[in-house]
Amino acid sequence: MPYYPREDKGQEIPYTLATRPEKLVMDYCHINIYEVQEMEIDVYLFFLREAMIFENSQTDEGREYLQNCWRIEQTKPDRQKLKEKYGK
């Protein structure tokens, strides 16, 4: 699941949603909650990841979030950008 810690904007709601991931999968797959609950865990996690990426790709803020997720997942240095920045 793409994750990047977001800065607190101070507009958090005072309640926590217990079924937010299920709602994402429901909307993405156009199915009901009972069908989501009957999914195999690997299928559910796949669609949860897909739904989260799709939802975030719809806004500029979401795309920035996904870019940051991708950036912190990288394990190899971008040698070309390092050469551009530092010479050598």
PDB file of N, CA and C in Angstrom:
ATOM      1  N   MET A   1       0.844  -1.173   0.000  1.00  0.00           N
ATOM      2  CA  MET A   1       0.000   0.000   0.000  1.00  0.00           C
ATOM      3  C   MET A   1       0.892   1.240   0.000  1.00  0.00           C
ATOM      4  N   PRO A   2       0.728   2.139  -0.928  1.00  0.00           N
ATOM      5  CA  PRO A   2       1.539   3.356  -0.898  1.00  0.00           C
ATOM      6  C   PRO A   2       1.279   4.146   0.372  1.00  0.00           C
ATOM      7  N   TYR A   3       2.350   4.563   1.040  1.00  0.00           N
ATOM      8  CA  TYR A   3       2.176   5.341   2.261  1.00  0.00           C
ATOM      9  C   TYR A   3       3.256   6.405   2.333  1.00  0.00           C
ATOM     10  N   TYR A   4       2.845   7.582   2.721  1.00  0.00           N
ATOM     11  CA  TYR A   4       3.743   8.698   2.963  1.00  0.00           C
ATOM     12  C   TYR A   4       3.102   9.516   4.062  1.00  0.00           C
ATOM     13  N   PRO A   5       3.828   9.828   5.137  1.00  0.00           N
ATOM     14  CA  PRO A   5       3.200  10.586   6.231  1.00  0.00           C
ATOM     15  C   PRO A   5       2.813  11.996   5.781  1.00  0.00           C
ATOM     16  N   ARG A   6       1.547  12.297   5.910  1.00  0.00           N
ATOM     17  CA  ARG A   6       1.063  13.621   5.516  1.00  0.00           C
ATOM     18  C   ARG A   6       1.198  14.590   6.677  1.00  0.00           C
ATOM     19  N   GLU A   7       1.370  15.839   6.341  1.00  0.00           N
ATOM     20  CA  GLU A   7       1.395  16.865   7.377  1.00  0.00           C
ATOM     21  C   GLU A   7      -0.022  17.101   7.852  1.00  0.00           C
ATOM     22  N   ASP A   8      -0.168  17.327   9.151  1.00  0.00           N
ATOM     23  CA  ASP A   8      -1.491  17.578   9.714  1.00  0.00           C
ATOM     24  C   ASP A   8      -1.962  18.954   9.276  1.00  0.00           C
ATOM     25  N   LYS A   9      -3.087  18.988   8.593  1.00  0.00           N
ATOM     26  CA  LYS A   9      -3.639  20.245   8.085  1.00  0.00           C
ATOM     27  C   LYS A   9      -4.519  20.936   9.124  1.00  0.00           C
ATOM     28  N   GLY A  10      -4.760  20.268  10.274  1.00  0.00           N
ATOM     29  CA  GLY A  10      -5.591  20.865  11.301  1.00  0.00           C
ATOM     30  C   GLY A  10      -7.074  20.744  11.009  1.00  0.00           C
ATOM     31  N   GLN A  11      -7.465  19.993   9.988  1.00  0.00           N
ATOM     32  CA  GLN A  11      -8.864  19.856   9.628  1.00  0.00           C
ATOM     33  C   GLN A  11      -9.332  18.420   9.786  1.00  0.00           C
ATOM     34  N   GLU A  12      -8.723  17.700  10.717  1.00  0.00           N
ATOM     35  CA  GLU A  12      -9.100  16.316  10.936  1.00  0.00           C
ATOM     36  C   GLU A  12     -10.487  16.252  11.560  1.00  0.00           C
ATOM     37  N   ILE A  13     -11.225  15.208  11.196  1.00  0.00           N
ATOM     38  CA  ILE A  13     -12.537  15.015  11.793  1.00  0.00           C
ATOM     39  C   ILE A  13     -12.360  14.295  13.125  1.00  0.00           C
ATOM     40  N   PRO A  14     -13.230  14.516  14.090  1.00  0.00           N
ATOM     41  CA  PRO A  14     -13.044  13.930  15.421  1.00  0.00           C
ATOM     42  C   PRO A  14     -13.466  12.466  15.526  1.00  0.00           C
ATOM     43  N   TYR A  15     -13.797  11.839  14.431  1.00  0.00           N
ATOM     44  CA  TYR A  15     -14.226  10.441  14.433  1.00  0.00           C
ATOM     45  C   TYR A  15     -13.295   9.625  13.549  1.00  0.00           C
ATOM     46  N   THR A  16     -13.134   8.363  13.889  1.00  0.00           N
ATOM     47  CA  THR A  16     -12.356   7.484  13.026  1.00  0.00           C
ATOM     48  C   THR A  16     -13.314   6.576  12.264  1.00  0.00           C
ATOM     49  N   LEU A  17     -13.002   6.344  11.027  1.00  0.00           N
ATOM     50  CA  LEU A  17     -13.833   5.501  10.177  1.00  0.00           C
ATOM     51  C   LEU A  17     -13.320   4.064  10.234  1.00  0.00           C
ATOM     52  N   ALA A  18     -14.180   3.148  10.599  1.00  0.00           N
ATOM     53  CA  ALA A  18     -13.777   1.747  10.730  1.00  0.00           C
ATOM     54  C   ALA A  18     -13.836   1.002   9.401  1.00  0.00           C
ATOM     55  N   THR A  19     -14.613   1.499   8.445  1.00  0.00           N
ATOM     56  CA  THR A  19     -14.799   0.760   7.193  1.00  0.00           C
ATOM     57  C   THR A  19     -14.328   1.542   5.965  1.00  0.00           C
ATOM     58  N   ARG A  20     -13.435   2.487   6.142  1.00  0.00           N
ATOM     59  CA  ARG A  20     -12.945   3.280   5.019  1.00  0.00           C
ATOM     60  C   ARG A  20     -12.299   2.415   3.930  1.00  0.00           C
ATOM     61  N   PRO A  21     -11.431   1.465   4.293  1.00  0.00           N
ATOM     62  CA  PRO A  21     -10.843   0.630   3.233  1.00  0.00           C
ATOM     63  C   PRO A  21     -11.900  -0.170   2.464  1.00  0.00           C
ATOM     64  N   GLU A  22     -12.880  -0.694   3.176  1.00  0.00           N
ATOM     65  CA  GLU A  22     -13.934  -1.453   2.516  1.00  0.00           C
ATOM     66  C   GLU A  22     -14.731  -0.567   1.565  1.00  0.00           C
ATOM     67  N   LYS A  23     -14.977   0.674   1.985  1.00  0.00           N
ATOM     68  CA  LYS A  23     -15.715   1.618   1.141  1.00  0.00           C
ATOM     69  C   LYS A  23     -14.940   1.915  -0.143  1.00  0.00           C
ATOM     70  N   LEU A  24     -13.636   2.061  -0.035  1.00  0.00           N
ATOM     71  CA  LEU A  24     -12.824   2.285  -1.226  1.00  0.00           C
ATOM     72  C   LEU A  24     -12.966   1.124  -2.215  1.00  0.00           C
ATOM     73  N   VAL A  25     -12.874  -0.115  -1.706  1.00  0.00           N
ATOM     74  CA  VAL A  25     -12.988  -1.289  -2.563  1.00  0.00           C
ATOM     75  C   VAL A  25     -14.398  -1.394  -3.141  1.00  0.00           C
ATOM     76  N   MET A  26     -15.405  -1.115  -2.324  1.00  0.00           N
ATOM     77  CA  MET A  26     -16.795  -1.169  -2.800  1.00  0.00           C
ATOM     78  C   MET A  26     -17.007  -0.233  -3.981  1.00  0.00           C
ATOM     79  N   ASP A  27     -16.565   0.998  -3.819  1.00  0.00           N
ATOM     80  CA  ASP A  27     -16.756   1.993  -4.879  1.00  0.00           C
ATOM     81  C   ASP A  27     -15.937   1.652  -6.118  1.00  0.00           C
ATOM     82  N   TYR A  28     -14.721   1.185  -5.920  1.00  0.00           N
ATOM     83  CA  TYR A  28     -13.838   0.876  -7.046  1.00  0.00           C
ATOM     84  C   TYR A  28     -14.355  -0.319  -7.842  1.00  0.00           C
ATOM     85  N   CYS A  29     -14.839  -1.340  -7.146  1.00  0.00           N
ATOM     86  CA  CYS A  29     -15.281  -2.576  -7.813  1.00  0.00           C
ATOM     87  C   CYS A  29     -16.779  -2.600  -8.099  1.00  0.00           C
ATOM     88  N   HIS A  30     -17.515  -1.598  -7.626  1.00  0.00           N
ATOM     89  CA  HIS A  30     -18.970  -1.539  -7.810  1.00  0.00           C
ATOM     90  C   HIS A  30     -19.650  -2.793  -7.246  1.00  0.00           C
ATOM     91  N   ILE A  31     -19.294  -3.103  -6.005  1.00  0.00           N
ATOM     92  CA  ILE A  31     -19.899  -4.242  -5.312  1.00  0.00           C
ATOM     93  C   ILE A  31     -20.382  -3.786  -3.945  1.00  0.00           C
ATOM     94  N   ASN A  32     -21.076  -4.665  -3.217  1.00  0.00           N
ATOM     95  CA  ASN A  32     -21.567  -4.274  -1.892  1.00  0.00           C
ATOM     96  C   ASN A  32     -20.631  -4.790  -0.800  1.00  0.00           C
ATOM     97  N   ILE A  33     -20.907  -4.370   0.428  1.00  0.00           N
ATOM     98  CA  ILE A  33     -20.030  -4.691   1.553  1.00  0.00           C
ATOM     99  C   ILE A  33     -19.913  -6.190   1.788  1.00  0.00           C
ATOM    100  N   TYR A  34     -20.983  -6.913   1.530  1.00  0.00           N
ATOM    101  CA  TYR A  34     -20.961  -8.357   1.763  1.00  0.00           C
ATOM    102  C   TYR A  34     -20.048  -9.066   0.764  1.00  0.00           C
ATOM    103  N   GLU A  35     -20.022  -8.571  -0.465  1.00  0.00           N
ATOM    104  CA  GLU A  35     -19.116  -9.138  -1.460  1.00  0.00           C
ATOM    105  C   GLU A  35     -17.656  -8.828  -1.112  1.00  0.00           C
ATOM    106  N   VAL A  36     -17.426  -7.658  -0.554  1.00  0.00           N
ATOM    107  CA  VAL A  36     -16.076  -7.298  -0.126  1.00  0.00           C
ATOM    108  C   VAL A  36     -15.637  -8.236   1.001  1.00  0.00           C
ATOM    109  N   GLN A  37     -16.523  -8.478   1.944  1.00  0.00           N
ATOM    110  CA  GLN A  37     -16.182  -9.337   3.077  1.00  0.00           C
ATOM    111  C   GLN A  37     -15.942 -10.784   2.669  1.00  0.00           C
ATOM    112  N   GLU A  38     -16.490 -11.204   1.551  1.00  0.00           N
ATOM    113  CA  GLU A  38     -16.307 -12.574   1.079  1.00  0.00           C
ATOM    114  C   GLU A  38     -15.059 -12.745   0.206  1.00  0.00           C
ATOM    115  N   MET A  39     -14.388 -11.640  -0.118  1.00  0.00           N
ATOM    116  CA  MET A  39     -13.189 -11.711  -0.965  1.00  0.00           C
ATOM    117  C   MET A  39     -12.058 -12.434  -0.232  1.00  0.00           C
ATOM    118  N   GLU A  40     -11.239 -13.114  -1.016  1.00  0.00           N
ATOM    119  CA  GLU A  40      -9.993 -13.662  -0.475  1.00  0.00           C
ATOM    120  C   GLU A  40      -9.118 -12.468  -0.080  1.00  0.00           C
ATOM    121  N   ILE A  41      -8.301 -12.630   0.949  1.00  0.00           N
ATOM    122  CA  ILE A  41      -7.521 -11.507   1.466  1.00  0.00           C
ATOM    123  C   ILE A  41      -6.559 -10.938   0.425  1.00  0.00           C
ATOM    124  N   ASP A  42      -5.943 -11.788  -0.373  1.00  0.00           N
ATOM    125  CA  ASP A  42      -5.003 -11.269  -1.367  1.00  0.00           C
ATOM    126  C   ASP A  42      -5.722 -10.476  -2.455  1.00  0.00           C
ATOM    127  N   VAL A  43      -6.911 -10.898  -2.832  1.00  0.00           N
ATOM    128  CA  VAL A  43      -7.707 -10.167  -3.825  1.00  0.00           C
ATOM    129  C   VAL A  43      -8.153  -8.831  -3.242  1.00  0.00           C
ATOM    130  N   TYR A  44      -8.613  -8.874  -1.981  1.00  0.00           N
ATOM    131  CA  TYR A  44      -9.051  -7.650  -1.301  1.00  0.00           C
ATOM    132  C   TYR A  44      -7.903  -6.642  -1.228  1.00  0.00           C
ATOM    133  N   LEU A  45      -6.727  -7.079  -0.801  1.00  0.00           N
ATOM    134  CA  LEU A  45      -5.589  -6.166  -0.682  1.00  0.00           C
ATOM    135  C   LEU A  45      -5.155  -5.613  -2.033  1.00  0.00           C
ATOM    136  N   PHE A  46      -5.244  -6.437  -3.073  1.00  0.00           N
ATOM    137  CA  PHE A  46      -4.932  -5.948  -4.420  1.00  0.00           C
ATOM    138  C   PHE A  46      -5.885  -4.820  -4.817  1.00  0.00           C
ATOM    139  N   PHE A  47      -7.191  -5.056  -4.646  1.00  0.00           N
ATOM    140  CA  PHE A  47      -8.162  -4.025  -5.028  1.00  0.00           C
ATOM    141  C   PHE A  47      -8.097  -2.807  -4.118  1.00  0.00           C
ATOM    142  N   LEU A  48      -7.741  -2.998  -2.853  1.00  0.00           N
ATOM    143  CA  LEU A  48      -7.572  -1.855  -1.950  1.00  0.00           C
ATOM    144  C   LEU A  48      -6.435  -0.972  -2.439  1.00  0.00           C
ATOM    145  N   ARG A  49      -5.325  -1.586  -2.827  1.00  0.00           N
ATOM    146  CA  ARG A  49      -4.193  -0.827  -3.351  1.00  0.00           C
ATOM    147  C   ARG A  49      -4.592  -0.088  -4.631  1.00  0.00           C
ATOM    148  N   GLU A  50      -5.240  -0.794  -5.542  1.00  0.00           N
ATOM    149  CA  GLU A  50      -5.671  -0.187  -6.796  1.00  0.00           C
ATOM    150  C   GLU A  50      -6.637   0.975  -6.548  1.00  0.00           C
ATOM    151  N   ALA A  51      -7.590   0.775  -5.635  1.00  0.00           N
ATOM    152  CA  ALA A  51      -8.580   1.817  -5.333  1.00  0.00           C
ATOM    153  C   ALA A  51      -7.921   3.037  -4.717  1.00  0.00           C
ATOM    154  N   MET A  52      -6.960   2.814  -3.831  1.00  0.00           N
ATOM    155  CA  MET A  52      -6.281   3.934  -3.198  1.00  0.00           C
ATOM    156  C   MET A  52      -5.481   4.735  -4.222  1.00  0.00           C
ATOM    157  N   ILE A  53      -4.763   4.029  -5.099  1.00  0.00           N
ATOM    158  CA  ILE A  53      -3.986   4.724  -6.132  1.00  0.00           C
ATOM    159  C   ILE A  53      -4.919   5.482  -7.071  1.00  0.00           C
ATOM    160  N   PHE A  54      -6.011   4.849  -7.482  1.00  0.00           N
ATOM    161  CA  PHE A  54      -6.961   5.512  -8.375  1.00  0.00           C
ATOM    162  C   PHE A  54      -7.549   6.755  -7.721  1.00  0.00           C
ATOM    163  N   GLU A  55      -7.979   6.641  -6.467  1.00  0.00           N
ATOM    164  CA  GLU A  55      -8.588   7.788  -5.787  1.00  0.00           C
ATOM    165  C   GLU A  55      -7.598   8.938  -5.642  1.00  0.00           C
ATOM    166  N   ASN A  56      -6.363   8.622  -5.283  1.00  0.00           N
ATOM    167  CA  ASN A  56      -5.366   9.679  -5.109  1.00  0.00           C
ATOM    168  C   ASN A  56      -4.930  10.291  -6.430  1.00  0.00           C
ATOM    169  N   SER A  57      -5.032   9.558  -7.515  1.00  0.00           N
ATOM    170  CA  SER A  57      -4.605  10.101  -8.803  1.00  0.00           C
ATOM    171  C   SER A  57      -5.598  11.109  -9.374  1.00  0.00           C
ATOM    172  N   GLN A  58      -6.720  11.308  -8.724  1.00  0.00           N
ATOM    173  CA  GLN A  58      -7.747  12.215  -9.230  1.00  0.00           C
ATOM    174  C   GLN A  58      -7.517  13.682  -8.862  1.00  0.00           C
ATOM    175  N   THR A  59      -6.646  13.952  -7.882  1.00  0.00           N
ATOM    176  CA  THR A  59      -6.409  15.334  -7.458  1.00  0.00           C
ATOM    177  C   THR A  59      -4.913  15.649  -7.493  1.00  0.00           C
ATOM    178  N   ASP A  60      -4.583  16.932  -7.553  1.00  0.00           N
ATOM    179  CA  ASP A  60      -3.180  17.342  -7.523  1.00  0.00           C
ATOM    180  C   ASP A  60      -2.529  16.929  -6.210  1.00  0.00           C
ATOM    181  N   GLU A  61      -3.235  17.139  -5.100  1.00  0.00           N
ATOM    182  CA  GLU A  61      -2.709  16.762  -3.789  1.00  0.00           C
ATOM    183  C   GLU A  61      -2.481  15.247  -3.711  1.00  0.00           C
ATOM    184  N   GLY A  62      -3.402  14.487  -4.264  1.00  0.00           N
ATOM    185  CA  GLY A  62      -3.268  13.037  -4.273  1.00  0.00           C
ATOM    186  C   GLY A  62      -2.111  12.570  -5.133  1.00  0.00           C
ATOM    187  N   ARG A  63      -1.912  13.205  -6.284  1.00  0.00           N
ATOM    188  CA  ARG A  63      -0.790  12.843  -7.149  1.00  0.00           C
ATOM    189  C   ARG A  63       0.541  13.169  -6.468  1.00  0.00           C
ATOM    190  N   GLU A  64       0.580  14.278  -5.754  1.00  0.00           N
ATOM    191  CA  GLU A  64       1.791  14.619  -5.009  1.00  0.00           C
ATOM    192  C   GLU A  64       2.055  13.563  -3.930  1.00  0.00           C
ATOM    193  N   TYR A  65       1.009  13.139  -3.260  1.00  0.00           N
ATOM    194  CA  TYR A  65       1.124  12.091  -2.247  1.00  0.00           C
ATOM    195  C   TYR A  65       1.685  10.808  -2.859  1.00  0.00           C
ATOM    196  N   LEU A  66       1.167  10.406  -4.024  1.00  0.00           N
ATOM    197  CA  LEU A  66       1.651   9.201  -4.683  1.00  0.00           C
ATOM    198  C   LEU A  66       3.100   9.349  -5.131  1.00  0.00           C
ATOM    199  N   GLN A  67       3.482  10.533  -5.614  1.00  0.00           N
ATOM    200  CA  GLN A  67       4.879  10.770  -6.001  1.00  0.00           C
ATOM    201  C   GLN A  67       5.794  10.621  -4.790  1.00  0.00           C
ATOM    202  N   ASN A  68       5.362  11.161  -3.635  1.00  0.00           N
ATOM    203  CA  ASN A  68       6.161  11.036  -2.417  1.00  0.00           C
ATOM    204  C   ASN A  68       6.244   9.580  -1.965  1.00  0.00           C
ATOM    205  N   CYS A  69       5.154   8.836  -2.094  1.00  0.00           N
ATOM    206  CA  CYS A  69       5.166   7.404  -1.760  1.00  0.00           C
ATOM    207  C   CYS A  69       6.181   6.674  -2.624  1.00  0.00           C
ATOM    208  N   TRP A  70       6.132   6.938  -3.905  1.00  0.00           N
ATOM    209  CA  TRP A  70       7.046   6.279  -4.831  1.00  0.00           C
ATOM    210  C   TRP A  70       8.498   6.634  -4.497  1.00  0.00           C
ATOM    211  N   ARG A  71       8.719   7.915  -4.204  1.00  0.00           N
ATOM    212  CA  ARG A  71      10.079   8.394  -3.930  1.00  0.00           C
ATOM    213  C   ARG A  71      10.677   7.704  -2.714  1.00  0.00           C
ATOM    214  N   ILE A  72       9.912   7.550  -1.631  1.00  0.00           N
ATOM    215  CA  ILE A  72      10.496   6.946  -0.430  1.00  0.00           C
ATOM    216  C   ILE A  72      10.597   5.420  -0.527  1.00  0.00           C
ATOM    217  N   GLU A  73       9.960   4.818  -1.535  1.00  0.00           N
ATOM    218  CA  GLU A  73      10.087   3.372  -1.749  1.00  0.00           C
ATOM    219  C   GLU A  73      11.354   3.011  -2.518  1.00  0.00           C
ATOM    220  N   GLN A  74      11.999   3.983  -3.147  1.00  0.00           N
ATOM    221  CA  GLN A  74      13.162   3.705  -3.985  1.00  0.00           C
ATOM    222  C   GLN A  74      14.352   3.315  -3.113  1.00  0.00           C
ATOM    223  N   THR A  75      15.072   2.278  -3.547  1.00  0.00           N
ATOM    224  CA  THR A  75      16.223   1.799  -2.778  1.00  0.00           C
ATOM    225  C   THR A  75      17.539   2.045  -3.502  1.00  0.00           C
ATOM    226  N   LYS A  76      17.478   2.374  -4.789  1.00  0.00           N
ATOM    227  CA  LYS A  76      18.688   2.638  -5.554  1.00  0.00           C
ATOM    228  C   LYS A  76      18.782   4.134  -5.840  1.00  0.00           C
ATOM    229  N   PRO A  77      19.989   4.701  -5.762  1.00  0.00           N
ATOM    230  CA  PRO A  77      20.139   6.134  -6.030  1.00  0.00           C
ATOM    231  C   PRO A  77      19.926   6.455  -7.503  1.00  0.00           C
ATOM    232  N   ASP A  78      19.407   7.629  -7.766  1.00  0.00           N
ATOM    233  CA  ASP A  78      19.257   8.111  -9.136  1.00  0.00           C
ATOM    234  C   ASP A  78      20.582   8.772  -9.512  1.00  0.00           C
ATOM    235  N   ARG A  79      21.460   7.973 -10.090  1.00  0.00           N
ATOM    236  CA  ARG A  79      22.815   8.439 -10.372  1.00  0.00           C
ATOM    237  C   ARG A  79      22.852   9.622 -11.345  1.00  0.00           C
ATOM    238  N   GLN A  80      21.931   9.635 -12.298  1.00  0.00           N
ATOM    239  CA  GLN A  80      21.898  10.736 -13.268  1.00  0.00           C
ATOM    240  C   GLN A  80      21.593  12.058 -12.568  1.00  0.00           C
ATOM    241  N   LYS A  81      20.613  12.064 -11.682  1.00  0.00           N
ATOM    242  CA  LYS A  81      20.275  13.308 -10.978  1.00  0.00           C
ATOM    243  C   LYS A  81      21.383  13.718 -10.020  1.00  0.00           C
ATOM    244  N   LEU A  82      22.055  12.738  -9.415  1.00  0.00           N
ATOM    245  CA  LEU A  82      23.185  13.070  -8.545  1.00  0.00           C
ATOM    246  C   LEU A  82      24.311  13.713  -9.348  1.00  0.00           C
ATOM    247  N   LYS A  83      24.578  13.204 -10.561  1.00  0.00           N
ATOM    248  CA  LYS A  83      25.618  13.779 -11.409  1.00  0.00           C
ATOM    249  C   LYS A  83      25.247  15.190 -11.821  1.00  0.00           C
ATOM    250  N   GLU A  84      23.962  15.412 -12.138  1.00  0.00           N
ATOM    251  CA  GLU A  84      23.507  16.748 -12.532  1.00  0.00           C
ATOM    252  C   GLU A  84      23.661  17.739 -11.373  1.00  0.00           C
ATOM    253  N   LYS A  85      23.362  17.281 -10.172  1.00  0.00           N
ATOM    254  CA  LYS A  85      23.395  18.198  -9.028  1.00  0.00           C
ATOM    255  C   LYS A  85      24.807  18.457  -8.523  1.00  0.00           C
ATOM    256  N   TYR A  86      25.641  17.423  -8.484  1.00  0.00           N
ATOM    257  CA  TYR A  86      26.945  17.561  -7.862  1.00  0.00           C
ATOM    258  C   TYR A  86      28.112  17.515  -8.846  1.00  0.00           C
ATOM    259  N   GLY A  87      27.838  17.404 -10.130  1.00  0.00           N
ATOM    260  CA  GLY A  87      28.911  17.343 -11.108  1.00  0.00           C
ATOM    261  C   GLY A  87      29.442  15.912 -11.231  1.00  0.00           C
ATOM    262  N   LYS A  88      30.688  15.739 -11.377  1.00  0.00           N
ATOM    263  CA  LYS A  88      31.357  14.446 -11.492  1.00  0.00           C
ATOM    264  C   LYS A  88      30.697  13.579 -12.500  1.00  0.00           C
TER     265      LYS A  88
END
